[in-house]
PDB file of N, CA and C in Angstrom:
ATOM      1  N   MET A   1     -18.665 -33.671 -26.293  1.00  0.00           N
ATOM      2  CA  MET A   1     -17.694 -32.594 -26.328  1.00  0.00           C
ATOM      3  C   MET A   1     -16.770 -32.845 -27.568  1.00  0.00           C
ATOM      4  N   HIS A   2     -16.479 -31.630 -28.351  1.00  0.00           N
ATOM      5  CA  HIS A   2     -15.689 -31.879 -29.560  1.00  0.00           C
ATOM      6  C   HIS A   2     -14.448 -30.960 -29.148  1.00  0.00           C
ATOM      7  N   LEU A   3     -13.256 -31.424 -29.409  1.00  0.00           N
ATOM      8  CA  LEU A   3     -11.934 -30.695 -29.265  1.00  0.00           C
ATOM      9  C   LEU A   3     -11.321 -30.679 -30.481  1.00  0.00           C
ATOM     10  N   ASP A   4     -10.685 -29.339 -30.609  1.00  0.00           N
ATOM     11  CA  ASP A   4      -9.854 -29.082 -31.632  1.00  0.00           C
ATOM     12  C   ASP A   4      -8.479 -29.190 -31.149  1.00  0.00           C
ATOM     13  N   VAL A   5      -7.634 -29.798 -31.816  1.00  0.00           N
ATOM     14  CA  VAL A   5      -6.218 -30.028 -31.275  1.00  0.00           C
ATOM     15  C   VAL A   5      -5.207 -29.623 -32.378  1.00  0.00           C
ATOM     16  N   SER A   6      -4.037 -29.025 -32.064  1.00  0.00           N
ATOM     17  CA  SER A   6      -3.046 -28.780 -33.052  1.00  0.00           C
ATOM     18  C   SER A   6      -2.371 -30.186 -33.623  1.00  0.00           C
ATOM     19  N   ALA A   7      -1.917 -29.991 -34.555  1.00  0.00           N
ATOM     20  CA  ALA A   7      -1.308 -31.127 -35.248  1.00  0.00           C
ATOM     21  C   ALA A   7      -0.259 -31.978 -34.366  1.00  0.00           C
ATOM     22  N   ASP A   8       0.591 -31.289 -33.568  1.00  0.00           N
ATOM     23  CA  ASP A   8       1.490 -31.822 -32.711  1.00  0.00           C
ATOM     24  C   ASP A   8       0.757 -32.686 -31.619  1.00  0.00           C
ATOM     25  N   ILE A   9      -0.304 -32.050 -31.073  1.00  0.00           N
ATOM     26  CA  ILE A   9      -1.082 -32.912 -30.144  1.00  0.00           C
ATOM     27  C   ILE A   9      -1.709 -34.072 -30.611  1.00  0.00           C
ATOM     28  N   GLU A  10      -2.201 -34.002 -31.909  1.00  0.00           N
ATOM     29  CA  GLU A  10      -2.973 -35.007 -32.629  1.00  0.00           C
ATOM     30  C   GLU A  10      -1.810 -36.228 -32.729  1.00  0.00           C
ATOM     31  N   LEU A  11      -0.666 -35.674 -33.239  1.00  0.00           N
ATOM     32  CA  LEU A  11       0.406 -36.827 -33.471  1.00  0.00           C
ATOM     33  C   LEU A  11       0.723 -37.597 -32.159  1.00  0.00           C
ATOM     34  N   LEU A  12       0.811 -36.744 -30.935  1.00  0.00           N
ATOM     35  CA  LEU A  12       1.086 -37.464 -29.863  1.00  0.00           C
ATOM     36  C   LEU A  12      -0.034 -38.535 -29.372  1.00  0.00           C
ATOM     37  N   ILE A  13      -1.354 -38.025 -29.480  1.00  0.00           N
ATOM     38  CA  ILE A  13      -2.360 -38.774 -29.292  1.00  0.00           C
ATOM     39  C   ILE A  13      -2.256 -40.174 -30.156  1.00  0.00           C
ATOM     40  N   ASN A  14      -2.100 -39.915 -31.503  1.00  0.00           N
ATOM     41  CA  ASN A  14      -2.001 -40.931 -32.532  1.00  0.00           C
ATOM     42  C   ASN A  14      -0.802 -41.950 -32.061  1.00  0.00           C
ATOM     43  N   LYS A  15       0.236 -41.410 -31.626  1.00  0.00           N
ATOM     44  CA  LYS A  15       1.379 -42.142 -31.118  1.00  0.00           C
ATOM     45  C   LYS A  15       1.011 -43.063 -30.029  1.00  0.00           C
ATOM     46  N   ARG A  16       0.264 -42.676 -29.162  1.00  0.00           N
ATOM     47  CA  ARG A  16      -0.243 -43.544 -27.890  1.00  0.00           C
ATOM     48  C   ARG A  16      -1.257 -44.644 -28.453  1.00  0.00           C
ATOM     49  N   LEU A  17      -2.038 -44.222 -29.259  1.00  0.00           N
ATOM     50  CA  LEU A  17      -3.126 -45.179 -29.880  1.00  0.00           C
ATOM     51  C   LEU A  17      -2.332 -46.358 -30.413  1.00  0.00           C
ATOM     52  N   SER A  18      -1.394 -45.985 -31.294  1.00  0.00           N
ATOM     53  CA  SER A  18      -0.641 -46.931 -32.174  1.00  0.00           C
ATOM     54  C   SER A  18       0.050 -47.945 -31.288  1.00  0.00           C
ATOM     55  N   THR A  19       0.335 -47.816 -30.089  1.00  0.00           N
ATOM     56  CA  THR A  19       0.872 -48.696 -29.235  1.00  0.00           C
ATOM     57  C   THR A  19      -0.112 -49.877 -28.793  1.00  0.00           C
ATOM     58  N   GLY A  20      -1.344 -49.772 -29.027  1.00  0.00           N
ATOM     59  CA  GLY A  20      -2.295 -50.668 -28.633  1.00  0.00           C
ATOM     60  C   GLY A  20      -2.765 -50.613 -27.150  1.00  0.00           C
ATOM     61  N   SER A  21      -2.164 -49.834 -26.438  1.00  0.00           N
ATOM     62  CA  SER A  21      -2.484 -49.640 -24.931  1.00  0.00           C
ATOM     63  C   SER A  21      -3.602 -48.937 -24.744  1.00  0.00           C
ATOM     64  N   TYR A  22      -4.134 -48.233 -25.630  1.00  0.00           N
ATOM     65  CA  TYR A  22      -5.345 -47.383 -25.571  1.00  0.00           C
ATOM     66  C   TYR A  22      -6.257 -47.949 -26.732  1.00  0.00           C
ATOM     67  N   THR A  23      -7.531 -47.796 -26.469  1.00  0.00           N
ATOM     68  CA  THR A  23      -8.555 -48.322 -27.453  1.00  0.00           C
ATOM     69  C   THR A  23      -9.159 -46.988 -28.220  1.00  0.00           C
ATOM     70  N   ASN A  24      -9.025 -45.879 -27.537  1.00  0.00           N
ATOM     71  CA  ASN A  24      -9.725 -44.728 -28.130  1.00  0.00           C
ATOM     72  C   ASN A  24      -8.995 -43.349 -27.520  1.00  0.00           C
ATOM     73  N   VAL A  25      -9.202 -42.216 -28.097  1.00  0.00           N
ATOM     74  CA  VAL A  25      -8.779 -41.084 -27.771  1.00  0.00           C
ATOM     75  C   VAL A  25      -8.991 -40.619 -26.292  1.00  0.00           C
ATOM     76  N   GLU A  26     -10.263 -41.015 -25.932  1.00  0.00           N
ATOM     77  CA  GLU A  26     -10.668 -40.561 -24.517  1.00  0.00           C
ATOM     78  C   GLU A  26      -9.923 -41.234 -23.526  1.00  0.00           C
ATOM     79  N   GLU A  27      -9.361 -42.494 -23.745  1.00  0.00           N
ATOM     80  CA  GLU A  27      -8.620 -43.186 -22.730  1.00  0.00           C
ATOM     81  C   GLU A  27      -7.144 -42.529 -22.703  1.00  0.00           C
ATOM     82  N   VAL A  28      -6.787 -42.052 -23.930  1.00  0.00           N
ATOM     83  CA  VAL A  28      -5.406 -41.384 -23.962  1.00  0.00           C
ATOM     84  C   VAL A  28      -5.578 -40.125 -23.030  1.00  0.00           C
ATOM     85  N   LEU A  29      -6.644 -39.357 -23.382  1.00  0.00           N
ATOM     86  CA  LEU A  29      -6.799 -37.986 -22.547  1.00  0.00           C
ATOM     87  C   LEU A  29      -7.046 -38.313 -21.128  1.00  0.00           C
ATOM     88  N   ARG A  30      -7.780 -39.443 -20.851  1.00  0.00           N
ATOM     89  CA  ARG A  30      -8.167 -39.640 -19.379  1.00  0.00           C
ATOM     90  C   ARG A  30      -6.831 -39.902 -18.679  1.00  0.00           C
ATOM     91  N   LYS A  31      -5.906 -40.735 -19.230  1.00  0.00           N
ATOM     92  CA  LYS A  31      -4.705 -41.218 -18.663  1.00  0.00           C
ATOM     93  C   LYS A  31      -3.755 -39.846 -18.446  1.00  0.00           C
ATOM     94  N   ALA A  32      -3.752 -39.149 -19.587  1.00  0.00           N
ATOM     95  CA  ALA A  32      -2.887 -37.835 -19.410  1.00  0.00           C
ATOM     96  C   ALA A  32      -3.431 -36.892 -18.232  1.00  0.00           C
ATOM     97  N   LEU A  33      -4.619 -36.757 -18.209  1.00  0.00           N
ATOM     98  CA  LEU A  33      -5.093 -35.873 -16.924  1.00  0.00           C
ATOM     99  C   LEU A  33      -4.972 -36.365 -15.717  1.00  0.00           C
ATOM    100  N   GLU A  34      -5.166 -37.802 -15.684  1.00  0.00           N
ATOM    101  CA  GLU A  34      -4.750 -38.502 -14.338  1.00  0.00           C
ATOM    102  C   GLU A  34      -3.525 -38.263 -13.905  1.00  0.00           C
ATOM    103  N   ALA A  35      -2.596 -38.561 -14.904  1.00  0.00           N
ATOM    104  CA  ALA A  35      -1.157 -38.296 -14.647  1.00  0.00           C
ATOM    105  C   ALA A  35      -0.752 -36.932 -14.049  1.00  0.00           C
ATOM    106  N   GLN A  36      -1.480 -35.812 -14.892  1.00  0.00           N
ATOM    107  CA  GLN A  36      -1.318 -34.477 -14.446  1.00  0.00           C
ATOM    108  C   GLN A  36      -1.812 -34.089 -13.149  1.00  0.00           C
ATOM    109  N   ASP A  37      -3.100 -34.801 -12.861  1.00  0.00           N
ATOM    110  CA  ASP A  37      -3.601 -34.550 -11.460  1.00  0.00           C
ATOM    111  C   ASP A  37      -2.604 -35.100 -10.370  1.00  0.00           C
ATOM    112  N   ALA A  38      -2.235 -36.383 -10.556  1.00  0.00           N
ATOM    113  CA  ALA A  38      -1.191 -36.902  -9.748  1.00  0.00           C
ATOM    114  C   ALA A  38       0.149 -36.086  -9.509  1.00  0.00           C
ATOM    115  N   GLU A  39       0.515 -35.575 -10.544  1.00  0.00           N
ATOM    116  CA  GLU A  39       1.676 -34.781 -10.425  1.00  0.00           C
ATOM    117  C   GLU A  39       1.507 -33.458  -9.565  1.00  0.00           C
ATOM    118  N   ASP A  40       0.313 -32.949  -9.830  1.00  0.00           N
ATOM    119  CA  ASP A  40      -0.075 -31.687  -9.136  1.00  0.00           C
ATOM    120  C   ASP A  40      -0.211 -31.992  -7.611  1.00  0.00           C
ATOM    121  N   ARG A  41      -0.894 -33.118  -7.265  1.00  0.00           N
ATOM    122  CA  ARG A  41      -1.040 -33.338  -5.817  1.00  0.00           C
ATOM    123  C   ARG A  41       0.477 -33.532  -5.389  1.00  0.00           C
ATOM    124  N   TRP A  42       1.208 -34.371  -5.986  1.00  0.00           N
ATOM    125  CA  TRP A  42       2.756 -34.675  -5.512  1.00  0.00           C
ATOM    126  C   TRP A  42       3.371 -33.381  -5.258  1.00  0.00           C
ATOM    127  N   CYS A  43       3.408 -32.543  -6.241  1.00  0.00           N
ATOM    128  CA  CYS A  43       4.022 -31.197  -6.179  1.00  0.00           C
ATOM    129  C   CYS A  43       3.606 -30.228  -5.007  1.00  0.00           C
ATOM    130  N   ALA A  44       2.304 -30.274  -4.697  1.00  0.00           N
ATOM    131  CA  ALA A  44       1.616 -29.567  -3.595  1.00  0.00           C
ATOM    132  C   ALA A  44       2.159 -30.166  -2.335  1.00  0.00           C
ATOM    133  N   GLU A  45       2.082 -31.570  -2.271  1.00  0.00           N
ATOM    134  CA  GLU A  45       2.519 -32.079  -1.152  1.00  0.00           C
ATOM    135  C   GLU A  45       4.036 -31.856  -0.964  1.00  0.00           C
ATOM    136  N   ASP A  46       4.861 -31.960  -1.876  1.00  0.00           N
ATOM    137  CA  ASP A  46       6.204 -31.866  -1.764  1.00  0.00           C
ATOM    138  C   ASP A  46       6.672 -30.377  -1.381  1.00  0.00           C
ATOM    139  N   SER A  47       5.978 -29.389  -1.944  1.00  0.00           N
ATOM    140  CA  SER A  47       6.079 -28.044  -1.587  1.00  0.00           C
ATOM    141  C   SER A  47       5.866 -27.942  -0.112  1.00  0.00           C
ATOM    142  N   GLN A  48       4.714 -28.406   0.481  1.00  0.00           N
ATOM    143  CA  GLN A  48       4.465 -28.185   1.857  1.00  0.00           C
ATOM    144  C   GLN A  48       5.575 -28.910   2.733  1.00  0.00           C
ATOM    145  N   LEU A  49       6.142 -30.042   2.330  1.00  0.00           N
ATOM    146  CA  LEU A  49       7.239 -30.638   3.044  1.00  0.00           C
ATOM    147  C   LEU A  49       8.436 -29.929   2.937  1.00  0.00           C
ATOM    148  N   LEU A  50       8.749 -29.396   1.874  1.00  0.00           N
ATOM    149  CA  LEU A  50       9.984 -28.455   1.963  1.00  0.00           C
ATOM    150  C   LEU A  50       9.897 -27.357   2.767  1.00  0.00           C
ATOM    151  N   SER A  51       8.712 -26.598   2.730  1.00  0.00           N
ATOM    152  CA  SER A  51       8.280 -25.348   3.517  1.00  0.00           C
ATOM    153  C   SER A  51       8.575 -25.813   4.998  1.00  0.00           C
ATOM    154  N   ALA A  52       8.115 -26.849   5.365  1.00  0.00           N
ATOM    155  CA  ALA A  52       8.230 -27.282   6.702  1.00  0.00           C
ATOM    156  C   ALA A  52       9.809 -27.499   7.132  1.00  0.00           C
ATOM    157  N   HIS A  53      10.441 -28.218   6.135  1.00  0.00           N
ATOM    158  CA  HIS A  53      11.953 -28.304   6.497  1.00  0.00           C
ATOM    159  C   HIS A  53      12.896 -27.054   6.630  1.00  0.00           C
ATOM    160  N   VAL A  54      12.384 -26.221   5.767  1.00  0.00           N
ATOM    161  CA  VAL A  54      12.916 -24.836   5.696  1.00  0.00           C
ATOM    162  C   VAL A  54      12.673 -24.103   6.999  1.00  0.00           C
ATOM    163  N   GLU A  55      11.349 -24.197   7.321  1.00  0.00           N
ATOM    164  CA  GLU A  55      10.992 -23.419   8.664  1.00  0.00           C
ATOM    165  C   GLU A  55      11.866 -24.240   9.825  1.00  0.00           C
ATOM    166  N   GLU A  56      11.856 -25.558   9.728  1.00  0.00           N
ATOM    167  CA  GLU A  56      12.506 -26.316  10.916  1.00  0.00           C
ATOM    168  C   GLU A  56      13.966 -25.753  10.993  1.00  0.00           C
ATOM    169  N   GLY A  57      14.657 -25.664   9.825  1.00  0.00           N
ATOM    170  CA  GLY A  57      15.989 -25.264   9.772  1.00  0.00           C
ATOM    171  C   GLY A  57      16.215 -23.876  10.285  1.00  0.00           C
ATOM    172  N   TYR A  58      15.406 -23.061   9.927  1.00  0.00           N
ATOM    173  CA  TYR A  58      15.364 -21.566  10.370  1.00  0.00           C
ATOM    174  C   TYR A  58      15.184 -21.457  11.960  1.00  0.00           C
ATOM    175  N   GLN A  59      14.248 -22.360  12.630  1.00  0.00           N
ATOM    176  CA  GLN A  59      14.064 -22.447  13.886  1.00  0.00           C
ATOM    177  C   GLN A  59      15.516 -22.897  14.553  1.00  0.00           C
ATOM    178  N   GLN A  60      16.184 -24.021  13.991  1.00  0.00           N
ATOM    179  CA  GLN A  60      17.266 -24.590  14.572  1.00  0.00           C
ATOM    180  C   GLN A  60      18.344 -23.516  14.631  1.00  0.00           C
ATOM    181  N   ALA A  61      18.508 -22.751  13.559  1.00  0.00           N
ATOM    182  CA  ALA A  61      19.494 -21.615  13.375  1.00  0.00           C
ATOM    183  C   ALA A  61      19.142 -20.574  14.476  1.00  0.00           C
ATOM    184  N   GLU A  62      17.935 -20.302  14.563  1.00  0.00           N
ATOM    185  CA  GLU A  62      17.691 -19.342  15.582  1.00  0.00           C
ATOM    186  C   GLU A  62      18.050 -19.813  16.976  1.00  0.00           C
ATOM    187  N   ARG A  63      18.104 -21.207  17.196  1.00  0.00           N
ATOM    188  CA  ARG A  63      18.497 -21.536  18.481  1.00  0.00           C
ATOM    189  C   ARG A  63      19.917 -21.972  18.595  1.00  0.00           C
ATOM    190  N   GLY A  64      20.697 -21.579  17.614  1.00  0.00           N
ATOM    191  CA  GLY A  64      22.152 -21.885  17.507  1.00  0.00           C
ATOM    192  C   GLY A  64      22.465 -23.392  17.357  1.00  0.00           C
ATOM    193  N   GLU A  65      21.516 -24.067  16.746  1.00  0.00           N
ATOM    194  CA  GLU A  65      21.647 -25.628  16.518  1.00  0.00           C
ATOM    195  C   GLU A  65      22.230 -25.978  15.250  1.00  0.00           C
ATOM    196  N   LEU A  66      22.910 -25.195  14.540  1.00  0.00           N
ATOM    197  CA  LEU A  66      23.522 -25.413  13.110  1.00  0.00           C
ATOM    198  C   LEU A  66      24.549 -26.426  13.255  1.00  0.00           C
ATOM    199  N   LEU A  67      24.754 -27.172  12.227  1.00  0.00           N
ATOM    200  CA  LEU A  67      25.791 -28.202  12.099  1.00  0.00           C
ATOM    201  C   LEU A  67      26.997 -27.653  11.196  1.00  0.00           C
ATOM    202  N   ASP A  68      28.175 -28.012  11.492  1.00  0.00           N
ATOM    203  CA  ASP A  68      29.007 -27.509  10.349  1.00  0.00           C
ATOM    204  C   ASP A  68      29.140 -28.478   9.399  1.00  0.00           C
ATOM    205  N   GLY A  69      29.887 -28.091   8.295  1.00  0.00           N
ATOM    206  CA  GLY A  69      29.915 -28.813   6.981  1.00  0.00           C
ATOM    207  C   GLY A  69      30.129 -30.370   7.120  1.00  0.00           C
ATOM    208  N   ALA A  70      31.194 -30.577   7.872  1.00  0.00           N
ATOM    209  CA  ALA A  70      31.586 -31.923   8.206  1.00  0.00           C
ATOM    210  C   ALA A  70      30.568 -32.834   8.904  1.00  0.00           C
ATOM    211  N   ALA A  71      30.035 -32.199   9.964  1.00  0.00           N
ATOM    212  CA  ALA A  71      28.855 -33.023  10.672  1.00  0.00           C
ATOM    213  C   ALA A  71      27.695 -33.124   9.870  1.00  0.00           C
ATOM    214  N   ALA A  72      27.362 -32.107   9.009  1.00  0.00           N
ATOM    215  CA  ALA A  72      26.201 -32.204   8.012  1.00  0.00           C
ATOM    216  C   ALA A  72      26.340 -33.410   7.145  1.00  0.00           C
ATOM    217  N   ARG A  73      27.650 -33.482   6.543  1.00  0.00           N
ATOM    218  CA  ARG A  73      28.057 -34.616   5.619  1.00  0.00           C
ATOM    219  C   ARG A  73      27.874 -36.007   6.248  1.00  0.00           C
ATOM    220  N   LEU A  74      28.396 -36.129   7.581  1.00  0.00           N
ATOM    221  CA  LEU A  74      28.300 -37.303   8.158  1.00  0.00           C
ATOM    222  C   LEU A  74      26.684 -37.735   8.352  1.00  0.00           C
ATOM    223  N   GLU A  75      25.963 -36.707   8.770  1.00  0.00           N
ATOM    224  CA  GLU A  75      24.538 -36.990   9.141  1.00  0.00           C
ATOM    225  C   GLU A  75      23.709 -37.410   7.728  1.00  0.00           C
ATOM    226  N   ILE A  76      24.243 -36.752   6.780  1.00  0.00           N
ATOM    227  CA  ILE A  76      23.313 -37.044   5.197  1.00  0.00           C
ATOM    228  C   ILE A  76      23.897 -38.375   4.958  1.00  0.00           C
ATOM    229  N   GLN A  77      25.187 -38.774   5.138  1.00  0.00           N
ATOM    230  CA  GLN A  77      25.811 -40.126   4.679  1.00  0.00           C
ATOM    231  C   GLN A  77      25.109 -41.265   5.448  1.00  0.00           C
ATOM    232  N   ALA A  78      24.923 -40.822   6.835  1.00  0.00           N
ATOM    233  CA  ALA A  78      24.225 -41.933   7.800  1.00  0.00           C
ATOM    234  C   ALA A  78      22.579 -42.164   7.218  1.00  0.00           C
ATOM    235  N   MET A  79      22.086 -41.065   6.814  1.00  0.00           N
ATOM    236  CA  MET A  79      20.647 -41.059   6.289  1.00  0.00           C
ATOM    237  C   MET A  79      20.777 -41.891   4.926  1.00  0.00           C
ATOM    238  N   LYS A  80      21.783 -41.528   4.140  1.00  0.00           N
ATOM    239  CA  LYS A  80      21.797 -42.374   2.807  1.00  0.00           C
ATOM    240  C   LYS A  80      21.989 -43.710   2.979  1.00  0.00           C
ATOM    241  N   GLU A  81      22.878 -44.093   3.974  1.00  0.00           N
ATOM    242  CA  GLU A  81      23.079 -45.563   4.184  1.00  0.00           C
ATOM    243  C   GLU A  81      21.819 -46.337   4.821  1.00  0.00           C
ATOM    244  N   LYS A  82      21.106 -45.514   5.612  1.00  0.00           N
ATOM    245  CA  LYS A  82      19.873 -46.126   6.166  1.00  0.00           C
ATOM    246  C   LYS A  82      18.753 -46.566   4.992  1.00  0.00           C
ATOM    247  N   TRP A  83      18.717 -45.364   4.227  1.00  0.00           N
ATOM    248  CA  TRP A  83      17.830 -45.521   3.125  1.00  0.00           C
ATOM    249  C   TRP A  83      18.122 -46.506   2.174  1.00  0.00           C
ATOM    250  N   ARG A  84      19.402 -46.813   1.879  1.00  0.00           N
ATOM    251  CA  ARG A  84      19.866 -47.846   1.056  1.00  0.00           C
ATOM    252  C   ARG A  84      19.605 -49.278   1.802  1.00  0.00           C
ATOM    253  N   ALA A  85      19.784 -49.259   3.001  1.00  0.00           N
ATOM    254  CA  ALA A  85      19.575 -50.583   3.824  1.00  0.00           C
ATOM    255  C   ALA A  85      18.067 -50.982   3.763  1.00  0.00           C
ATOM    256  N   ALA A  86      17.280 -49.933   3.575  1.00  0.00           N
ATOM    257  CA  ALA A  86      15.798 -50.197   3.532  1.00  0.00           C
ATOM    258  C   ALA A  86      15.310 -50.865   2.249  1.00  0.00           C
ATOM    259  N   GLY A  87      16.323 -50.830   1.304  1.00  0.00           N
ATOM    260  CA  GLY A  87      15.939 -51.297  -0.115  1.00  0.00           C
ATOM    261  C   GLY A  87      15.344 -50.390  -1.019  1.00  0.00           C
ATOM    262  N   ARG A  88      15.615 -49.138  -0.945  1.00  0.00           N
ATOM    263  CA  ARG A  88      15.038 -48.135  -1.760  1.00  0.00           C
ATOM    264  C   ARG A  88      16.037 -47.896  -2.838  1.00  0.00           C
TER     265      ARG A  88
END
């Protein structure tokens, strides 16, 4: 396969090659495409999780289970402290 790339893309590829981390253009492109695939998968998974959280919140609101601002802040603070204690 032969690819024609713009000067700015060629500059980016050559910049990666100059680091010595890659031995050829194919490695640079492979790494870039793998990173893009990983990002796409992460975004899809993250989007599904976010949708699930929104739906859960909506259902809680429908049942009258909303927290006021002060209670929500306390709950978030507790989650934050737990997260920090886990070493993240």
